[in-house]
Protein backbone atom coordinates (compact mmCIF):
# COMPACT_ATOMS: atom_id res chain seq x y z
CA MET A 1 -72.80 34.36 73.63
CA ARG A 2 -73.60 30.69 73.84
CA ARG A 3 -71.71 28.43 71.52
CA SER A 4 -73.76 26.05 69.43
CA PRO A 5 -73.24 22.37 70.26
CA PRO A 6 -70.76 20.51 68.08
CA PRO A 7 -72.23 18.58 65.18
CA PRO A 8 -72.85 14.89 65.81
CA PRO A 9 -70.10 12.55 64.63
CA PRO A 10 -70.63 10.85 61.28
CA PRO A 11 -72.23 7.41 61.46
CA THR A 12 -69.83 4.52 61.73
CA ALA A 13 -69.42 1.94 59.01
CA ARG A 14 -71.35 -0.53 61.15
CA THR A 15 -74.52 1.55 60.89
CA CYS A 16 -74.20 3.26 57.51
CA ALA A 17 -72.59 0.76 55.16
CA TRP A 18 -75.73 -1.35 54.84
CA LEU A 19 -78.45 0.02 52.63
CA ARG A 20 -81.04 -0.60 55.35
CA SER A 21 -79.87 -3.27 57.82
CA PRO A 22 -77.85 -6.51 57.66
CA ALA A 23 -80.93 -8.75 57.75
CA TRP A 24 -82.83 -6.68 55.18
CA ASP A 25 -79.92 -6.37 52.77
CA LEU A 26 -78.96 -10.03 52.93
CA ALA A 27 -82.50 -11.40 52.69
CA LEU A 28 -84.03 -9.00 50.16
CA LEU A 29 -81.06 -7.92 48.06
CA ALA A 30 -78.05 -10.21 48.16
CA PHE A 31 -79.64 -13.63 48.61
CA CYS A 32 -83.31 -13.06 47.75
CA TRP A 33 -82.97 -15.65 44.97
CA LEU A 34 -82.01 -18.55 47.25
CA PRO A 35 -85.60 -19.74 48.00
CA PHE A 36 -86.34 -19.89 44.28
CA TYR A 37 -83.09 -21.78 43.64
CA VAL A 38 -83.83 -24.32 46.40
CA TRP A 39 -87.37 -24.82 45.09
CA VAL A 40 -86.25 -25.27 41.48
CA VAL A 41 -83.28 -27.58 42.13
CA PHE A 42 -84.43 -29.57 45.15
CA GLY A 43 -88.19 -29.16 44.99
CA LEU A 44 -88.76 -29.55 41.25
CA GLY A 45 -85.58 -31.56 40.68
CA LEU A 46 -84.49 -29.27 37.85
CA ASP A 47 -80.76 -29.76 38.32
CA GLY A 48 -79.69 -29.34 34.69
CA SER A 49 -79.22 -33.03 33.96
CA TRP A 50 -82.63 -33.24 32.24
CA ALA A 51 -82.96 -36.84 33.43
CA GLY A 52 -86.46 -38.24 33.93
CA GLY A 53 -89.74 -37.53 32.21
CA GLY A 54 -90.75 -34.77 34.62
CA SER A 55 -88.11 -32.31 33.49
CA ARG A 56 -90.38 -30.66 30.93
CA ASP A 57 -93.15 -30.03 33.48
CA ALA A 58 -90.63 -28.83 36.05
CA LEU A 59 -89.13 -26.37 33.56
CA ALA A 60 -92.61 -25.11 32.68
CA TRP A 61 -93.40 -24.43 36.35
CA ALA A 62 -90.07 -22.74 37.01
CA THR A 63 -90.42 -20.59 33.89
CA VAL A 64 -93.95 -19.45 34.74
CA VAL A 65 -92.95 -18.44 38.26
CA ALA A 66 -89.87 -16.60 36.99
CA LEU A 67 -91.95 -14.80 34.35
CA ALA A 68 -94.53 -13.81 36.98
CA ILE A 69 -91.87 -12.30 39.24
CA THR A 70 -90.29 -10.53 36.27
CA TYR A 71 -93.69 -9.21 35.19
CA VAL A 72 -94.22 -7.68 38.64
CA HIS A 73 -90.90 -5.86 38.88
CA ARG A 74 -91.10 -4.38 35.38
CA HIS A 75 -94.21 -2.37 36.19
CA TYR A 76 -92.62 -0.72 39.22
CA THR A 77 -90.65 1.45 36.80
CA PHE A 78 -93.85 2.84 35.33
CA LEU A 79 -95.15 3.59 38.83
CA LEU A 80 -91.98 5.57 39.53
CA VAL A 81 -92.19 7.46 36.23
CA TYR A 82 -95.89 8.20 35.78
CA GLY A 83 -96.97 8.34 39.43
CA ASP A 84 -94.35 10.82 40.63
CA GLY A 85 -94.63 14.31 39.17
CA GLU A 86 -91.05 15.25 40.03
CA THR A 87 -89.61 12.27 38.14
CA PHE A 88 -91.96 12.70 35.18
CA ARG A 89 -91.22 16.40 34.74
CA ARG A 90 -87.50 15.80 34.32
CA ARG A 91 -88.05 14.09 30.95
CA ALA A 92 -91.75 14.62 30.30
CA ARG A 93 -91.44 14.67 26.51
CA ASP A 94 -89.34 11.51 26.46
CA PHE A 95 -91.74 9.68 28.78
CA VAL A 96 -94.61 10.54 26.43
CA LEU A 97 -92.92 9.84 23.10
CA ALA A 98 -90.95 6.74 24.05
CA PRO A 99 -93.98 4.43 24.63
CA ALA A 100 -95.54 5.45 21.32
CA LEU A 101 -92.34 4.84 19.38
CA VAL A 102 -91.52 1.57 21.14
CA PHE A 103 -94.96 0.01 20.80
CA VAL A 104 -95.25 1.05 17.16
CA GLY A 105 -91.80 -0.36 16.42
CA VAL A 106 -92.47 -3.65 18.21
CA GLY A 107 -95.87 -3.90 16.54
CA LEU A 108 -94.34 -3.45 13.09
CA CYS A 109 -91.71 -6.11 13.81
CA ARG A 110 -94.39 -8.50 14.95
CA GLY A 111 -96.58 -7.72 11.97
CA THR A 112 -93.84 -8.31 9.42
CA GLY A 113 -92.49 -11.34 11.33
CA GLY A 114 -89.53 -13.19 9.91
CA MET A 115 -86.06 -11.79 10.42
CA ALA A 116 -87.21 -8.46 11.91
CA TRP A 117 -88.99 -10.22 14.77
CA LYS A 118 -86.06 -12.57 15.40
CA LEU A 119 -83.60 -9.68 15.47
CA LEU A 120 -85.84 -7.86 17.94
CA LEU A 121 -85.92 -10.90 20.22
CA VAL A 122 -82.13 -11.15 20.10
CA ALA A 123 -81.81 -7.42 20.85
CA VAL A 124 -84.20 -7.65 23.80
CA GLY A 125 -82.36 -10.70 25.15
CA ALA A 126 -78.96 -9.00 24.88
CA TRP A 127 -80.26 -5.79 26.46
CA ASN A 128 -81.81 -7.83 29.26
CA VAL A 129 -78.43 -9.40 30.07
CA TRP A 130 -76.76 -5.98 30.06
CA HIS A 131 -79.54 -4.42 32.13
CA THR A 132 -79.50 -7.20 34.74
CA LEU A 133 -75.74 -7.12 35.22
CA MET A 134 -75.57 -3.33 35.32
CA GLN A 135 -78.19 -3.29 38.07
CA ARG A 136 -75.86 -5.50 40.12
CA PHE A 137 -73.00 -3.13 39.31
CA GLY A 138 -75.12 -0.15 40.37
CA ILE A 139 -75.92 -1.67 43.76
CA LEU A 140 -72.23 -2.45 44.26
CA ARG A 141 -71.45 1.20 43.60
CA ILE A 142 -74.11 2.34 46.07
CA TYR A 143 -72.47 0.20 48.73
CA ALA A 144 -69.10 1.70 47.76
CA GLY A 145 -70.52 5.19 48.14
CA LYS A 146 -71.90 4.39 51.58
CA ALA A 147 -68.67 2.73 52.73
CA GLY A 148 -66.32 5.47 51.48
CA GLY A 149 -62.62 5.04 52.11
CA GLY A 150 -61.84 5.57 48.43
CA LEU A 151 -64.12 2.79 47.18
CA GLN A 152 -66.51 5.45 45.91
CA GLU A 153 -63.96 6.83 43.46
CA PRO A 154 -64.70 6.40 39.71
CA ALA A 155 -61.41 4.54 39.24
CA HIS A 156 -62.55 1.79 41.59
CA GLY A 157 -65.91 1.78 39.86
CA ARG A 158 -64.10 0.84 36.67
CA ARG A 159 -62.36 -1.96 38.55
CA ASP A 160 -65.74 -3.20 39.83
CA LEU A 161 -67.07 -3.18 36.30
CA ALA A 162 -64.03 -5.02 34.94
CA LEU A 163 -64.28 -7.73 37.61
CA LEU A 164 -68.00 -8.21 36.98
CA TRP A 165 -67.77 -8.54 33.20
CA CYS A 166 -64.58 -10.64 33.26
CA SER A 167 -66.37 -13.02 35.62
CA VAL A 168 -69.36 -13.21 33.26
CA ILE A 169 -67.17 -13.91 30.22
CA PHE A 170 -65.11 -16.52 32.09
CA VAL A 171 -68.18 -18.33 33.44
CA SER A 172 -69.89 -18.20 30.03
CA TRP A 173 -66.96 -19.97 28.39
CA ILE A 174 -66.73 -22.56 31.17
CA THR A 175 -70.44 -23.28 30.76
CA LEU A 176 -70.16 -23.63 26.99
CA LEU A 177 -67.09 -25.81 27.17
CA LEU A 178 -67.76 -28.03 30.16
CA ARG A 179 -71.54 -28.07 30.53
CA ALA A 180 -72.74 -28.38 26.94
CA GLU A 181 -75.16 -31.19 27.83
CA THR A 182 -77.15 -28.83 30.06
CA PHE A 183 -78.32 -26.91 26.96
CA ALA A 184 -80.62 -29.80 26.08
CA GLY A 185 -83.60 -28.69 28.12
CA GLN A 186 -84.82 -25.74 26.07
CA ALA A 187 -85.17 -25.07 22.35
CA ASN A 188 -83.40 -21.70 22.30
CA ALA A 189 -80.52 -23.12 24.35
CA ARG A 190 -80.15 -26.02 21.90
CA LEU A 191 -80.14 -23.55 19.01
CA LEU A 192 -77.42 -21.49 20.70
CA LEU A 193 -75.35 -24.62 21.23
CA ARG A 194 -75.58 -25.53 17.55
CA VAL A 195 -74.30 -22.08 16.65
CA VAL A 196 -71.35 -22.10 19.04
CA ARG A 197 -70.42 -25.79 18.89
CA PRO A 198 -67.75 -25.23 16.18
CA LEU A 199 -66.11 -22.69 18.51
CA ILE A 200 -65.81 -25.10 21.44
CA SER A 201 -64.27 -27.95 19.48
CA GLY A 202 -60.54 -28.54 19.34
CA THR A 203 -57.49 -27.44 21.28
CA GLY A 204 -58.10 -23.75 20.72
CA ALA A 205 -61.13 -23.79 23.01
CA TRP A 206 -59.04 -25.12 25.91
CA VAL A 207 -56.25 -22.63 25.25
CA LEU A 208 -58.82 -19.84 25.37
CA LEU A 209 -60.18 -21.21 28.65
CA ALA A 210 -56.68 -21.09 30.17
CA LEU A 211 -56.16 -17.53 28.93
CA LEU A 212 -59.52 -16.44 30.34
CA ALA A 213 -58.68 -18.04 33.68
CA VAL A 214 -55.36 -16.19 33.86
CA GLY A 215 -57.01 -12.93 32.81
CA TRP A 216 -59.81 -13.29 35.36
CA LEU A 217 -57.33 -14.06 38.15
CA ALA A 218 -55.24 -11.02 37.22
CA VAL A 219 -58.30 -8.74 37.29
CA LEU A 220 -59.41 -10.23 40.62
CA LEU A 221 -56.00 -9.67 42.25
CA TYR A 222 -55.79 -6.13 40.88
CA TRP A 223 -59.29 -5.39 42.19
CA LEU A 224 -58.52 -6.97 45.58
CA HIS A 225 -55.30 -4.96 45.92
CA HIS A 226 -57.19 -1.67 45.59
CA GLU A 227 -60.21 -2.91 47.57
CA LEU A 228 -58.05 -3.68 50.59
CA ARG A 229 -56.30 -0.31 50.42
CA ALA A 230 -59.48 1.37 51.67
CA GLU A 231 -59.14 2.18 55.36
CA LEU A 232 -62.31 0.43 56.49
CA GLU A 233 -63.17 -2.00 59.22
CA LEU A 234 -64.59 -5.36 58.27
CA CYS A 235 -68.13 -4.25 59.13
CA GLY A 236 -67.78 -1.51 56.52
CA ARG A 237 -66.79 -4.02 53.85
CA LEU A 238 -69.34 -6.75 54.58
CA PRO A 239 -72.34 -5.22 52.75
CA ARG A 240 -70.36 -4.87 49.52
CA TRP A 241 -68.62 -8.18 49.81
CA SER A 242 -71.81 -10.06 50.62
CA PHE A 243 -73.52 -8.62 47.55
CA LEU A 244 -70.51 -9.43 45.38
CA ALA A 245 -70.43 -12.95 46.82
CA SER A 246 -74.09 -13.43 45.92
CA THR A 247 -73.30 -12.37 42.35
CA MET A 248 -70.47 -14.89 42.10
CA LEU A 249 -72.72 -17.64 43.50
CA LEU A 250 -75.36 -16.78 40.91
CA LEU A 251 -72.74 -17.14 38.19
CA ALA A 252 -71.69 -20.47 39.73
CA VAL A 253 -75.26 -21.73 39.23
CA PHE A 254 -74.65 -21.54 35.47
CA VAL A 255 -71.70 -23.91 35.81
CA VAL A 256 -73.26 -26.30 38.31
CA HIS A 257 -76.76 -26.53 36.81
CA GLY A 258 -76.37 -25.14 33.32
CA PRO A 259 -77.48 -21.93 31.59
CA ILE A 260 -81.24 -22.53 31.81
CA VAL A 261 -81.41 -22.87 35.59
CA GLY A 262 -78.78 -20.13 35.91
CA TYR A 263 -80.72 -17.72 33.72
CA LEU A 264 -83.94 -18.33 35.65
CA CYS A 265 -82.22 -17.73 39.00
CA PHE A 266 -80.47 -14.60 37.75
CA GLY A 267 -83.72 -13.19 36.38
CA VAL A 268 -85.58 -13.84 39.63
CA ALA A 269 -82.74 -12.29 41.66
CA HIS A 270 -82.84 -9.20 39.47
CA ALA A 271 -86.60 -8.78 39.83
CA LEU A 272 -86.80 -9.39 43.58
CA GLU A 273 -83.91 -7.10 44.46
CA TYR A 274 -85.41 -4.40 42.24
CA VAL A 275 -88.77 -4.54 44.03
CA ALA A 276 -87.08 -4.37 47.45
CA PHE A 277 -84.82 -1.54 46.34
CA VAL A 278 -87.69 0.54 44.94
CA HIS A 279 -89.72 0.21 48.15
CA HIS A 280 -86.73 1.21 50.26
CA PHE A 281 -85.84 4.14 48.01
CA GLY A 282 -89.45 5.30 47.82
CA GLN A 283 -89.94 5.18 51.57
CA GLN A 284 -86.79 7.20 52.19
CA LYS A 285 -87.46 9.72 49.44
CA PHE A 286 -91.11 10.46 50.09
CA THR A 287 -90.78 10.45 53.86
CA GLN A 288 -88.03 13.06 53.61
CA SER A 289 -89.73 15.21 50.98
CA GLY A 290 -93.31 14.97 52.21
CA ALA A 291 -94.44 14.75 48.58
CA THR A 292 -97.97 13.74 47.65
CA GLY A 293 -99.29 11.70 44.75
CA LEU A 294 -99.92 8.10 43.82
CA THR A 295 -96.33 6.88 44.01
CA ALA A 296 -95.62 8.74 47.25
CA SER A 297 -98.76 7.34 48.87
CA LEU A 298 -97.91 3.77 47.87
CA LEU A 299 -94.19 3.68 48.54
CA ARG A 300 -94.15 5.66 51.77
CA ARG A 301 -95.54 2.60 53.61
CA PRO A 302 -93.79 -0.42 52.04
CA LEU A 303 -95.21 -3.05 54.39
CA CYS A 304 -98.73 -2.31 53.16
CA SER A 305 -98.03 -1.21 49.60
CA ALA A 306 -95.76 -4.15 48.71
CA ALA A 307 -98.54 -6.66 49.32
CA LEU A 308 -101.04 -4.46 47.47
CA LEU A 309 -98.89 -3.80 44.42
CA ILE A 310 -97.46 -7.30 44.09
CA GLY A 311 -100.88 -8.87 44.57
CA ALA A 312 -102.49 -6.63 41.94
CA LEU A 313 -99.76 -7.24 39.38
CA LEU A 314 -99.75 -11.00 39.95
CA THR A 315 -103.51 -11.01 39.49
CA GLY A 316 -103.08 -9.25 36.16
CA PHE A 317 -100.43 -11.76 35.09
CA ILE A 318 -102.73 -14.67 35.95
CA LEU A 319 -105.74 -13.14 34.18
CA LEU A 320 -103.67 -12.76 31.01
CA ARG A 321 -102.50 -16.39 30.99
CA ASP A 322 -104.84 -17.39 28.14
CA HIS A 323 -103.61 -14.55 25.92
CA ARG A 324 -99.83 -15.01 26.13
CA SER A 325 -99.57 -16.30 22.58
CA ALA A 326 -101.66 -13.47 21.12
CA ASP A 327 -99.88 -10.84 19.05
CA VAL A 328 -101.24 -8.01 21.20
CA TYR A 329 -99.84 -9.59 24.36
CA LEU A 330 -96.44 -10.23 22.74
CA VAL A 331 -96.23 -6.60 21.62
CA TYR A 332 -97.24 -5.45 25.10
CA TYR A 333 -94.75 -7.78 26.83
CA LEU A 334 -91.75 -6.88 24.67
CA GLY A 335 -92.72 -3.21 24.57
CA THR A 336 -92.88 -2.93 28.36
CA SER A 337 -89.59 -4.82 28.58
CA LEU A 338 -87.85 -2.29 26.35
CA LEU A 339 -89.42 0.66 28.16
CA HIS A 340 -88.38 -0.79 31.51
CA PHE A 341 -84.76 -1.04 30.33
CA LEU A 342 -84.86 2.45 28.84
CA PHE A 343 -86.58 4.22 31.73
CA ASP A 344 -84.33 2.61 34.32
CA GLY A 345 -81.33 4.02 32.49
CA TRP A 346 -82.89 7.47 32.70
CA ILE A 347 -84.08 7.57 36.29
CA TRP A 348 -81.41 5.65 38.24
CA LYS A 349 -78.41 7.96 38.16
CA VAL A 350 -76.73 7.86 41.57
CA ARG A 351 -74.67 10.92 40.67
CA ARG A 352 -77.89 12.96 40.91
CA PRO A 353 -78.62 14.37 44.38
CA GLU A 354 -82.32 13.40 44.22
CA VAL A 355 -81.29 9.74 43.80
CA ARG A 356 -78.23 9.77 46.03
CA ARG A 357 -79.78 11.52 49.03
CA PRO A 358 -82.51 8.98 49.91
CA LEU A 359 -79.93 6.20 49.74
CA GLY A 360 -77.59 7.90 52.19
CA VAL A 361 -74.72 8.06 49.72
CA ALA A 362 -72.28 10.88 50.36
């Protein structure tokens, strides 16, 4: 009786730790925001100093481009949900009821105006910050799952989360304390500064900065101790470390150029990496499953579909430019924002085999 051939060896860290390839991961995930940053800071001259009369026009251009990119990525979630029968069937009732409830709620807030509308804007802004940072955390965990060596364990996931949020809190306080003048370029930023200015005056603010610095350093060293315990070669660590480094550089933009430029860059990074991730995930999933349908047809061939989808969505954004102050558009924009946050929390669960398998996570 012939013996079956031995199974092939598992892929090495050099080939499997990257989501797709070094060039793809670095250009389209980790550092996809760099061209926008270079254009905003060196092309438009929007360095956070707000010197010169062209700052207002530069900020307007940067904001429009950032909003356009954000507009594009948000609608990819609806393509995943309503164009793929398998995804829709998992929570069909929720995917039907949620839009009705969200749009009615946003419409009522807009109709009543006043405090209800302001509270909604604050809630959407806070959820956006959470959503953006947790996407970065999720990609870090995907890299950990692909690398293995113990990095995929939930305990290290908690250390990743602690390092990420401690870094955000530390950088936020540095920006408030040392870069207060950079809040001058935008009305909402100036309003925030007026609210927090009493907190950043006096000796207590500097004591808190020192405590945050010590706390952040302690969390970093604790994280690094466990990170280095994983028995991995450097090529197995590079994908994760490069993505973490890009996150830290994005946070550094807040300190160097202020919160307005930092927020724009972070938002663009979030949107671009999401679009790239969805195309990669869709290609892997639908090629493996052989599924049919709108989403499968579009995402199975990312080189063609990316240009088609992005072009169509950008065209819609441009055609709506004269209606952005209308109540209907504001309800639509905030409603789709909330649904995007909500649906992403439902569909992107790496612990599920149908999400984990196309990404190559063990």
